[in-house]
Amino acid sequence: MTYERFGCATQLSPFIECYFVWDSKTALEQELVVESPPNSFCSIVFNYGDPYRLQNIKYAQLAVPRHFIAGQSIYSYKLFLQGRIGITGIVLKPAALATLFHLPAYAFTEERVDLFNVFSHQLLQPYIQQIEEAANPIEKVKALEAFLLHQVQTQSPSPDFIDIAANQIVESNGMISITQLVQNSCMSRRTFERRFFQKVGLSPKYYARIRRIAHLCNLIAGKQKVNWQELFYGCEYYDQAHFIKDFEEFTGRSPQQYLQENTELAQYVKKPQQQQL
């Protein structure tokens, strides 16, 4: 089983975090359950393998659409996979659904929305065919990038202060002053928070909390033992109680339980490294 990440073209960097290809090559011998903490990103996903199911805060068992948009995940979720895994997708920066696609990000929170409910069959089908016929991961990613470049050419998106602020939250792993972001935007706090919610789907403060937990979970992914005190101080938590409260809220378990029980993708493949096309 392989999981690879790829960087994007420079002109897409304000909107795209990375591309990924997850492929098992052959059918799984038994059902695989993979868990993911909230990661602070939305995504557009194309499935060229077998169908799979999702469990999250909203759905006990959701048959995931073959090709879909995933909005912000506030809490941990699980994927139940059978047969062959063949999934490729675009990891979007936090405001990209709004800026690049003119979609209301808040409408997609905790959802997997069928791509054909958003884009026309005429637009999507050529890219889906390219993905399915691609001989290797790089060719699949080239099809994803062509889809995005078409969007840029037709929509002429322009990042604004909300895009910049949301991307700064990502880059700082949630450890940034929201008050300073508001001041830099030259907006009132109320206007900033309203526009941030419209473009990202969450309030800036809440989004920063999720981003910090996502960063922390990434640090412990695939590990069997960690220094919790070093981690929560490194992530700028005031004290252990504050750290545990946030961790339990977003993952549903204590930090130690999560470390012992989690079934993240890193348990099955090497921690993915980002590549350039």
C-alpha atoms as a PDB file:
ATOM      1  CA  MET A   1       0.000   0.000   0.000  1.00  0.00           C
ATOM      2  CA  THR A   2       1.362   3.424  -0.929  1.00  0.00           C
ATOM      3  CA  TYR A   3       0.364   6.980  -0.065  1.00  0.00           C
ATOM      4  CA  GLU A   4       2.150   9.757  -1.927  1.00  0.00           C
ATOM      5  CA  ARG A   5       1.795  13.530  -1.766  1.00  0.00           C
ATOM      6  CA  PHE A   6       2.723  15.981  -4.505  1.00  0.00           C
ATOM      7  CA  GLY A   7       3.237  19.744  -4.640  1.00  0.00           C
ATOM      8  CA  CYS A   8       1.326  21.999  -7.030  1.00  0.00           C
ATOM      9  CA  ALA A   9       2.154  24.583  -9.692  1.00  0.00           C
ATOM     10  CA  THR A  10       3.204  27.982  -8.338  1.00  0.00           C
ATOM     11  CA  GLN A  11       0.090  29.749  -9.644  1.00  0.00           C
ATOM     12  CA  LEU A  12      -2.072  27.317  -7.662  1.00  0.00           C
ATOM     13  CA  SER A  13      -0.166  27.645  -4.377  1.00  0.00           C
ATOM     14  CA  PRO A  14      -2.566  30.245  -2.858  1.00  0.00           C
ATOM     15  CA  PHE A  15      -5.351  27.645  -3.108  1.00  0.00           C
ATOM     16  CA  ILE A  16      -3.790  24.184  -2.969  1.00  0.00           C
ATOM     17  CA  GLU A  17      -1.952  22.497  -0.109  1.00  0.00           C
ATOM     18  CA  CYS A  18      -1.020  19.338  -2.042  1.00  0.00           C
ATOM     19  CA  TYR A  19      -2.273  16.435  -4.127  1.00  0.00           C
ATOM     20  CA  PHE A  20      -2.299  12.824  -2.946  1.00  0.00           C
ATOM     21  CA  VAL A  21      -2.564   9.317  -4.375  1.00  0.00           C
ATOM     22  CA  TRP A  22      -3.471   6.390  -2.099  1.00  0.00           C
ATOM     23  CA  ASP A  23      -3.311   2.988  -3.779  1.00  0.00           C
ATOM     24  CA  SER A  24      -3.298  -0.579  -2.457  1.00  0.00           C
ATOM     25  CA  LYS A  25      -2.386  -1.995  -5.924  1.00  0.00           C
ATOM     26  CA  THR A  26      -4.346  -5.191  -5.132  1.00  0.00           C
ATOM     27  CA  ALA A  27      -7.546  -5.986  -3.211  1.00  0.00           C
ATOM     28  CA  LEU A  28      -7.380  -5.990   0.584  1.00  0.00           C
ATOM     29  CA  GLU A  29      -7.635  -9.381   2.260  1.00  0.00           C
ATOM     30  CA  GLN A  30      -9.994  -8.010   4.919  1.00  0.00           C
ATOM     31  CA  GLU A  31     -11.758  -4.774   5.792  1.00  0.00           C
ATOM     32  CA  LEU A  32      -9.391  -1.970   6.729  1.00  0.00           C
ATOM     33  CA  VAL A  33     -10.476   0.718   9.194  1.00  0.00           C
ATOM     34  CA  VAL A  34      -8.500   3.953   8.948  1.00  0.00           C
ATOM     35  CA  GLU A  35      -9.011   6.839  11.330  1.00  0.00           C
ATOM     36  CA  SER A  36      -8.281  10.495  10.718  1.00  0.00           C
ATOM     37  CA  PRO A  37      -8.248  13.376  13.173  1.00  0.00           C
ATOM     38  CA  PRO A  38      -9.522  16.745  11.902  1.00  0.00           C
ATOM     39  CA  ASN A  39      -6.849  18.054   9.522  1.00  0.00           C
ATOM     40  CA  SER A  40      -8.048  21.667   8.947  1.00  0.00           C
ATOM     41  CA  PHE A  41      -8.336  21.221   5.158  1.00  0.00           C
ATOM     42  CA  CYS A  42     -11.137  20.596   2.677  1.00  0.00           C
ATOM     43  CA  SER A  43     -10.583  18.317  -0.303  1.00  0.00           C
ATOM     44  CA  ILE A  44     -11.816  17.155  -3.692  1.00  0.00           C
ATOM     45  CA  VAL A  45     -11.507  13.388  -4.057  1.00  0.00           C
ATOM     46  CA  PHE A  46     -11.740  10.987  -7.011  1.00  0.00           C
ATOM     47  CA  ASN A  47     -12.146   7.261  -6.328  1.00  0.00           C
ATOM     48  CA  TYR A  48     -10.952   4.875  -9.049  1.00  0.00           C
ATOM     49  CA  GLY A  49     -10.992   1.878  -6.679  1.00  0.00           C
ATOM     50  CA  ASP A  50     -13.799   0.148  -4.788  1.00  0.00           C
ATOM     51  CA  PRO A  51     -16.544   1.928  -2.795  1.00  0.00           C
ATOM     52  CA  TYR A  52     -16.048   2.544   0.924  1.00  0.00           C
ATOM     53  CA  ARG A  53     -17.952   3.852   3.953  1.00  0.00           C
ATOM     54  CA  LEU A  54     -17.476   6.705   6.407  1.00  0.00           C
ATOM     55  CA  GLN A  55     -18.331   7.191  10.076  1.00  0.00           C
ATOM     56  CA  ASN A  56     -18.225  10.667  11.591  1.00  0.00           C
ATOM     57  CA  ILE A  57     -20.123  12.909  13.999  1.00  0.00           C
ATOM     58  CA  LYS A  58     -23.050  13.186  11.541  1.00  0.00           C
ATOM     59  CA  TYR A  59     -23.180   9.698  10.009  1.00  0.00           C
ATOM     60  CA  ALA A  60     -23.035   6.270  11.644  1.00  0.00           C
ATOM     61  CA  GLN A  61     -22.419   4.690   8.225  1.00  0.00           C
ATOM     62  CA  LEU A  62     -22.255   6.786   5.050  1.00  0.00           C
ATOM     63  CA  ALA A  63     -21.738   5.237   1.613  1.00  0.00           C
ATOM     64  CA  VAL A  64     -19.194   7.743   0.334  1.00  0.00           C
ATOM     65  CA  PRO A  65     -19.923   9.143  -3.156  1.00  0.00           C
ATOM     66  CA  ARG A  66     -17.456   7.934  -5.746  1.00  0.00           C
ATOM     67  CA  HIS A  67     -16.188  11.454  -6.438  1.00  0.00           C
ATOM     68  CA  PHE A  68     -16.863  14.149  -3.849  1.00  0.00           C
ATOM     69  CA  ILE A  69     -16.029  17.379  -2.051  1.00  0.00           C
ATOM     70  CA  ALA A  70     -15.165  17.005   1.637  1.00  0.00           C
ATOM     71  CA  GLY A  71     -15.668  20.066   3.811  1.00  0.00           C
ATOM     72  CA  GLN A  72     -13.995  20.818   7.120  1.00  0.00           C
ATOM     73  CA  SER A  73     -13.978  17.898   9.565  1.00  0.00           C
ATOM     74  CA  ILE A  74     -14.304  19.227  13.093  1.00  0.00           C
ATOM     75  CA  TYR A  75     -13.920  15.843  14.783  1.00  0.00           C
ATOM     76  CA  SER A  76     -12.113  12.573  14.098  1.00  0.00           C
ATOM     77  CA  TYR A  77     -13.697  10.239  11.561  1.00  0.00           C
ATOM     78  CA  LYS A  78     -13.210   6.674  10.307  1.00  0.00           C
ATOM     79  CA  LEU A  79     -13.082   5.121   6.837  1.00  0.00           C
ATOM     80  CA  PHE A  80     -14.104   1.483   6.291  1.00  0.00           C
ATOM     81  CA  LEU A  81     -12.366   0.157   3.190  1.00  0.00           C
ATOM     82  CA  GLN A  82     -12.775  -3.111   1.285  1.00  0.00           C
ATOM     83  CA  GLY A  83     -11.482  -4.396  -2.034  1.00  0.00           C
ATOM     84  CA  ARG A  84      -8.932  -2.246  -3.822  1.00  0.00           C
ATOM     85  CA  ILE A  85      -8.033   1.207  -2.554  1.00  0.00           C
ATOM     86  CA  GLY A  86      -7.590   3.660  -5.408  1.00  0.00           C
ATOM     87  CA  ILE A  87      -8.093   7.249  -4.297  1.00  0.00           C
ATOM     88  CA  THR A  88      -6.561  10.480  -5.547  1.00  0.00           C
ATOM     89  CA  GLY A  89      -7.403  13.990  -4.529  1.00  0.00           C
ATOM     90  CA  ILE A  90      -6.722  17.659  -4.017  1.00  0.00           C
ATOM     91  CA  VAL A  91      -6.112  19.020  -0.525  1.00  0.00           C
ATOM     92  CA  LEU A  92      -7.478  22.563  -0.568  1.00  0.00           C
ATOM     93  CA  LYS A  93      -6.264  25.488   1.488  1.00  0.00           C
ATOM     94  CA  PRO A  94      -8.923  26.653   3.955  1.00  0.00           C
ATOM     95  CA  ALA A  95     -10.626  29.356   1.863  1.00  0.00           C
ATOM     96  CA  ALA A  96     -10.210  27.711  -1.550  1.00  0.00           C
ATOM     97  CA  LEU A  97     -13.747  26.329  -1.838  1.00  0.00           C
ATOM     98  CA  ALA A  98     -14.994  29.909  -1.734  1.00  0.00           C
ATOM     99  CA  THR A  99     -12.218  31.700  -3.613  1.00  0.00           C
ATOM    100  CA  LEU A 100     -11.473  29.170  -6.334  1.00  0.00           C
ATOM    101  CA  PHE A 101     -14.878  27.524  -6.761  1.00  0.00           C
ATOM    102  CA  HIS A 102     -17.292  30.173  -5.391  1.00  0.00           C
ATOM    103  CA  LEU A 103     -18.820  27.612  -3.036  1.00  0.00           C
ATOM    104  CA  PRO A 104     -20.095  28.318   0.514  1.00  0.00           C
ATOM    105  CA  ALA A 105     -17.577  26.408   2.629  1.00  0.00           C
ATOM    106  CA  TYR A 106     -19.905  26.240   5.651  1.00  0.00           C
ATOM    107  CA  ALA A 107     -22.391  24.146   3.647  1.00  0.00           C
ATOM    108  CA  PHE A 108     -19.799  21.361   3.285  1.00  0.00           C
ATOM    109  CA  THR A 109     -18.670  21.064   6.929  1.00  0.00           C
ATOM    110  CA  GLU A 110     -18.636  17.378   8.016  1.00  0.00           C
ATOM    111  CA  GLU A 111     -20.058  16.410   4.599  1.00  0.00           C
ATOM    112  CA  ARG A 112     -19.037  14.377   1.546  1.00  0.00           C
ATOM    113  CA  VAL A 113     -20.938  15.957  -1.354  1.00  0.00           C
ATOM    114  CA  ASP A 114     -21.137  14.229  -4.727  1.00  0.00           C
ATOM    115  CA  LEU A 115     -19.070  16.173  -7.277  1.00  0.00           C
ATOM    116  CA  PHE A 116     -21.805  15.737  -9.871  1.00  0.00           C
ATOM    117  CA  ASN A 117     -24.109  17.774  -7.604  1.00  0.00           C
ATOM    118  CA  VAL A 118     -21.642  20.666  -7.884  1.00  0.00           C
ATOM    119  CA  PHE A 119     -20.049  20.429 -11.339  1.00  0.00           C
ATOM    120  CA  SER A 120     -21.440  19.309 -14.664  1.00  0.00           C
ATOM    121  CA  HIS A 121     -20.890  15.847 -16.066  1.00  0.00           C
ATOM    122  CA  GLN A 122     -19.454  17.488 -19.181  1.00  0.00           C
ATOM    123  CA  LEU A 123     -16.767  19.239 -17.132  1.00  0.00           C
ATOM    124  CA  LEU A 124     -15.831  16.325 -14.864  1.00  0.00           C
ATOM    125  CA  GLN A 125     -15.912  13.296 -17.133  1.00  0.00           C
ATOM    126  CA  PRO A 126     -12.733  13.993 -19.165  1.00  0.00           C
ATOM    127  CA  TYR A 127     -10.668  14.398 -15.972  1.00  0.00           C
ATOM    128  CA  ILE A 128     -12.196  11.292 -14.384  1.00  0.00           C
ATOM    129  CA  GLN A 129     -11.337   9.313 -17.510  1.00  0.00           C
ATOM    130  CA  GLN A 130      -7.745  10.598 -17.421  1.00  0.00           C
ATOM    131  CA  ILE A 131      -7.403   9.562 -13.782  1.00  0.00           C
ATOM    132  CA  GLU A 132      -8.804   6.087 -14.396  1.00  0.00           C
ATOM    133  CA  GLU A 133      -6.580   5.517 -17.431  1.00  0.00           C
ATOM    134  CA  ALA A 134      -3.403   7.039 -15.932  1.00  0.00           C
ATOM    135  CA  ALA A 135      -0.465   4.632 -15.827  1.00  0.00           C
ATOM    136  CA  ASN A 136       1.113   6.046 -12.652  1.00  0.00           C
ATOM    137  CA  PRO A 137       0.489   8.501  -9.782  1.00  0.00           C
ATOM    138  CA  ILE A 138       2.144  11.427 -11.559  1.00  0.00           C
ATOM    139  CA  GLU A 139      -0.233  11.092 -14.507  1.00  0.00           C
ATOM    140  CA  LYS A 140      -3.200  11.046 -12.122  1.00  0.00           C
ATOM    141  CA  VAL A 141      -1.957  14.198 -10.414  1.00  0.00           C
ATOM    142  CA  LYS A 142      -1.479  15.912 -13.787  1.00  0.00           C
ATOM    143  CA  ALA A 143      -5.192  15.318 -14.451  1.00  0.00           C
ATOM    144  CA  LEU A 144      -6.053  16.912 -11.091  1.00  0.00           C
ATOM    145  CA  GLU A 145      -3.887  19.918 -11.879  1.00  0.00           C
ATOM    146  CA  ALA A 146      -5.438  20.317 -15.326  1.00  0.00           C
ATOM    147  CA  PHE A 147      -8.879  20.415 -13.664  1.00  0.00           C
ATOM    148  CA  LEU A 148      -7.699  23.184 -11.317  1.00  0.00           C
ATOM    149  CA  LEU A 149      -5.934  25.209 -14.011  1.00  0.00           C
ATOM    150  CA  HIS A 150      -9.151  25.172 -16.034  1.00  0.00           C
ATOM    151  CA  GLN A 151     -10.921  26.606 -12.993  1.00  0.00           C
ATOM    152  CA  VAL A 152      -8.311  29.355 -12.622  1.00  0.00           C
ATOM    153  CA  GLN A 153      -8.562  30.256 -16.294  1.00  0.00           C
ATOM    154  CA  THR A 154     -12.353  30.445 -16.280  1.00  0.00           C
ATOM    155  CA  GLN A 155     -12.929  32.017 -12.832  1.00  0.00           C
ATOM    156  CA  SER A 156      -9.831  34.251 -12.390  1.00  0.00           C
ATOM    157  CA  PRO A 157      -9.845  33.823  -8.592  1.00  0.00           C
ATOM    158  CA  SER A 158      -8.120  36.424  -6.437  1.00  0.00           C
ATOM    159  CA  PRO A 159      -7.140  35.667  -2.808  1.00  0.00           C
ATOM    160  CA  ASP A 160      -8.174  38.346  -0.317  1.00  0.00           C
ATOM    161  CA  PHE A 161      -7.357  39.154   3.320  1.00  0.00           C
ATOM    162  CA  ILE A 162      -9.416  36.173   4.519  1.00  0.00           C
ATOM    163  CA  ASP A 163      -7.414  33.770   2.345  1.00  0.00           C
ATOM    164  CA  ILE A 164      -4.205  35.294   3.679  1.00  0.00           C
ATOM    165  CA  ALA A 165      -5.350  35.121   7.308  1.00  0.00           C
ATOM    166  CA  ALA A 166      -6.592  31.529   7.000  1.00  0.00           C
ATOM    167  CA  ASN A 167      -3.338  30.464   5.345  1.00  0.00           C
ATOM    168  CA  GLN A 168      -1.390  32.159   8.148  1.00  0.00           C
ATOM    169  CA  ILE A 169      -3.344  30.102  10.684  1.00  0.00           C
ATOM    170  CA  VAL A 170      -2.323  26.977   8.771  1.00  0.00           C
ATOM    171  CA  GLU A 171       1.331  28.023   8.517  1.00  0.00           C
ATOM    172  CA  SER A 172       1.495  28.830  12.241  1.00  0.00           C
ATOM    173  CA  ASN A 173      -0.290  25.567  13.122  1.00  0.00           C
ATOM    174  CA  GLY A 174      -2.974  27.556  14.915  1.00  0.00           C
ATOM    175  CA  MET A 175      -0.498  29.347  17.153  1.00  0.00           C
ATOM    176  CA  ILE A 176      -1.240  32.912  16.095  1.00  0.00           C
ATOM    177  CA  SER A 177      -3.103  35.922  17.485  1.00  0.00           C
ATOM    178  CA  ILE A 178      -6.569  36.252  15.957  1.00  0.00           C
ATOM    179  CA  THR A 179      -6.656  39.855  17.190  1.00  0.00           C
ATOM    180  CA  GLN A 180      -3.518  40.591  15.174  1.00  0.00           C
ATOM    181  CA  LEU A 181      -5.040  38.992  12.075  1.00  0.00           C
ATOM    182  CA  VAL A 182      -8.117  41.207  12.465  1.00  0.00           C
ATOM    183  CA  GLN A 183      -5.950  44.304  12.775  1.00  0.00           C
ATOM    184  CA  ASN A 184      -3.928  43.352   9.708  1.00  0.00           C
ATOM    185  CA  SER A 185      -7.122  42.888   7.679  1.00  0.00           C
ATOM    186  CA  CYS A 186      -8.321  46.475   8.302  1.00  0.00           C
ATOM    187  CA  MET A 187     -11.807  45.107   9.103  1.00  0.00           C
ATOM    188  CA  SER A 188     -13.881  45.249  12.227  1.00  0.00           C
ATOM    189  CA  ARG A 189     -13.734  42.051  14.243  1.00  0.00           C
ATOM    190  CA  ARG A 190     -17.394  41.325  13.463  1.00  0.00           C
ATOM    191  CA  THR A 191     -16.872  41.734   9.705  1.00  0.00           C
ATOM    192  CA  PHE A 192     -13.689  39.668   9.778  1.00  0.00           C
ATOM    193  CA  GLU A 193     -15.366  36.809  11.665  1.00  0.00           C
ATOM    194  CA  ARG A 194     -18.430  36.868   9.389  1.00  0.00           C
ATOM    195  CA  ARG A 195     -16.366  36.778   6.205  1.00  0.00           C
ATOM    196  CA  PHE A 196     -14.034  34.136   7.638  1.00  0.00           C
ATOM    197  CA  PHE A 197     -17.008  31.903   8.430  1.00  0.00           C
ATOM    198  CA  GLN A 198     -18.395  32.365   4.918  1.00  0.00           C
ATOM    199  CA  LYS A 199     -15.091  31.410   3.267  1.00  0.00           C
ATOM    200  CA  VAL A 200     -13.724  28.773   5.676  1.00  0.00           C
ATOM    201  CA  GLY A 201     -16.875  27.395   7.301  1.00  0.00           C
ATOM    202  CA  LEU A 202     -15.719  27.965  10.882  1.00  0.00           C
ATOM    203  CA  SER A 203     -14.934  30.918  13.122  1.00  0.00           C
ATOM    204  CA  PRO A 204     -11.240  31.968  13.075  1.00  0.00           C
ATOM    205  CA  LYS A 205     -10.708  31.082  16.744  1.00  0.00           C
ATOM    206  CA  TYR A 206     -12.294  27.657  16.371  1.00  0.00           C
ATOM    207  CA  TYR A 207     -10.399  26.998  13.157  1.00  0.00           C
ATOM    208  CA  ALA A 208      -7.110  27.845  14.906  1.00  0.00           C
ATOM    209  CA  ARG A 209      -7.941  25.339  17.663  1.00  0.00           C
ATOM    210  CA  ILE A 210      -8.601  22.617  15.092  1.00  0.00           C
ATOM    211  CA  ARG A 211      -5.408  23.448  13.214  1.00  0.00           C
ATOM    212  CA  ARG A 212      -3.354  23.141  16.391  1.00  0.00           C
ATOM    213  CA  ILE A 213      -4.840  19.714  17.184  1.00  0.00           C
ATOM    214  CA  ALA A 214      -4.275  18.626  13.576  1.00  0.00           C
ATOM    215  CA  HIS A 215      -0.622  19.634  13.875  1.00  0.00           C
ATOM    216  CA  LEU A 216      -0.243  17.810  17.175  1.00  0.00           C
ATOM    217  CA  CYS A 217      -1.834  14.622  15.786  1.00  0.00           C
ATOM    218  CA  ASN A 218       0.523  14.800  12.817  1.00  0.00           C
ATOM    219  CA  LEU A 219       3.475  14.949  15.223  1.00  0.00           C
ATOM    220  CA  ILE A 220       2.410  11.754  17.013  1.00  0.00           C
ATOM    221  CA  ALA A 221       1.192   9.851  13.918  1.00  0.00           C
ATOM    222  CA  GLY A 222       2.699   6.379  13.743  1.00  0.00           C
ATOM    223  CA  LYS A 223       4.449   6.672  17.119  1.00  0.00           C
ATOM    224  CA  GLN A 224       4.047   4.352  20.091  1.00  0.00           C
ATOM    225  CA  LYS A 225       5.492   6.642  22.759  1.00  0.00           C
ATOM    226  CA  VAL A 226       5.689  10.433  23.065  1.00  0.00           C
ATOM    227  CA  ASN A 227       6.653  13.075  25.606  1.00  0.00           C
ATOM    228  CA  TRP A 228       3.246  14.685  26.205  1.00  0.00           C
ATOM    229  CA  GLN A 229       4.570  17.541  28.318  1.00  0.00           C
ATOM    230  CA  GLU A 230       7.060  18.498  25.625  1.00  0.00           C
ATOM    231  CA  LEU A 231       4.307  18.340  22.999  1.00  0.00           C
ATOM    232  CA  PHE A 232       1.722  20.481  24.747  1.00  0.00           C
ATOM    233  CA  TYR A 233       4.247  23.142  25.684  1.00  0.00           C
ATOM    234  CA  GLY A 234       5.623  23.077  22.139  1.00  0.00           C
ATOM    235  CA  CYS A 235       2.087  23.648  20.845  1.00  0.00           C
ATOM    236  CA  GLU A 236       1.662  26.603  23.233  1.00  0.00           C
ATOM    237  CA  TYR A 237      -0.996  25.175  25.542  1.00  0.00           C
ATOM    238  CA  TYR A 238      -1.174  27.040  28.834  1.00  0.00           C
ATOM    239  CA  ASP A 239      -1.346  23.869  30.916  1.00  0.00           C
ATOM    240  CA  GLN A 240      -2.004  20.147  30.736  1.00  0.00           C
ATOM    241  CA  ALA A 241      -5.723  20.472  31.558  1.00  0.00           C
ATOM    242  CA  HIS A 242      -6.280  22.861  28.622  1.00  0.00           C
ATOM    243  CA  PHE A 243      -4.402  20.497  26.311  1.00  0.00           C
ATOM    244  CA  ILE A 244      -6.376  17.419  27.403  1.00  0.00           C
ATOM    245  CA  LYS A 245      -9.715  19.279  27.113  1.00  0.00           C
ATOM    246  CA  ASP A 246      -9.008  20.310  23.503  1.00  0.00           C
ATOM    247  CA  PHE A 247      -7.651  16.895  22.559  1.00  0.00           C
ATOM    248  CA  GLU A 248     -10.675  15.044  23.956  1.00  0.00           C
ATOM    249  CA  GLU A 249     -13.102  17.473  22.302  1.00  0.00           C
ATOM    250  CA  PHE A 250     -11.741  16.952  18.788  1.00  0.00           C
ATOM    251  CA  THR A 251     -10.645  13.282  18.919  1.00  0.00           C
ATOM    252  CA  GLY A 252     -13.100  11.821  21.436  1.00  0.00           C
ATOM    253  CA  ARG A 253     -10.348  10.292  23.581  1.00  0.00           C
ATOM    254  CA  SER A 254      -7.610  11.212  26.000  1.00  0.00           C
ATOM    255  CA  PRO A 255      -4.156  11.706  24.438  1.00  0.00           C
ATOM    256  CA  GLN A 256      -2.874   8.401  25.816  1.00  0.00           C
ATOM    257  CA  GLN A 257      -5.954   6.470  24.676  1.00  0.00           C
ATOM    258  CA  TYR A 258      -5.587   7.969  21.224  1.00  0.00           C
ATOM    259  CA  LEU A 259      -1.943   6.965  21.037  1.00  0.00           C
ATOM    260  CA  GLN A 260      -2.745   3.388  22.043  1.00  0.00           C
ATOM    261  CA  GLU A 261      -5.886   2.887  19.971  1.00  0.00           C
ATOM    262  CA  ASN A 262      -5.646   5.043  16.865  1.00  0.00           C
ATOM    263  CA  THR A 263      -5.656   3.473  13.406  1.00  0.00           C
ATOM    264  CA  GLU A 264      -4.376   6.382  11.359  1.00  0.00           C
ATOM    265  CA  LEU A 265      -2.994   5.825   7.878  1.00  0.00           C
ATOM    266  CA  ALA A 266       0.533   6.229   9.280  1.00  0.00           C
ATOM    267  CA  GLN A 267       0.070   2.862  10.995  1.00  0.00           C
ATOM    268  CA  TYR A 268      -0.129   1.150   7.589  1.00  0.00           C
ATOM    269  CA  VAL A 269       2.241   3.141   5.381  1.00  0.00           C
ATOM    270  CA  LYS A 270       5.330   5.211   5.954  1.00  0.00           C
ATOM    271  CA  LYS A 271       4.653   8.833   6.869  1.00  0.00           C
ATOM    272  CA  PRO A 272       4.036  10.361   3.423  1.00  0.00           C
ATOM    273  CA  GLN A 273       6.613  12.756   2.018  1.00  0.00           C
ATOM    274  CA  GLN A 274       5.618  15.482  -0.388  1.00  0.00           C
ATOM    275  CA  GLN A 275       7.049  15.252  -3.902  1.00  0.00           C
ATOM    276  CA  GLN A 276       7.205  17.729  -6.757  1.00  0.00           C
ATOM    277  CA  LEU A 277       5.770  16.906 -10.163  1.00  0.00           C
END
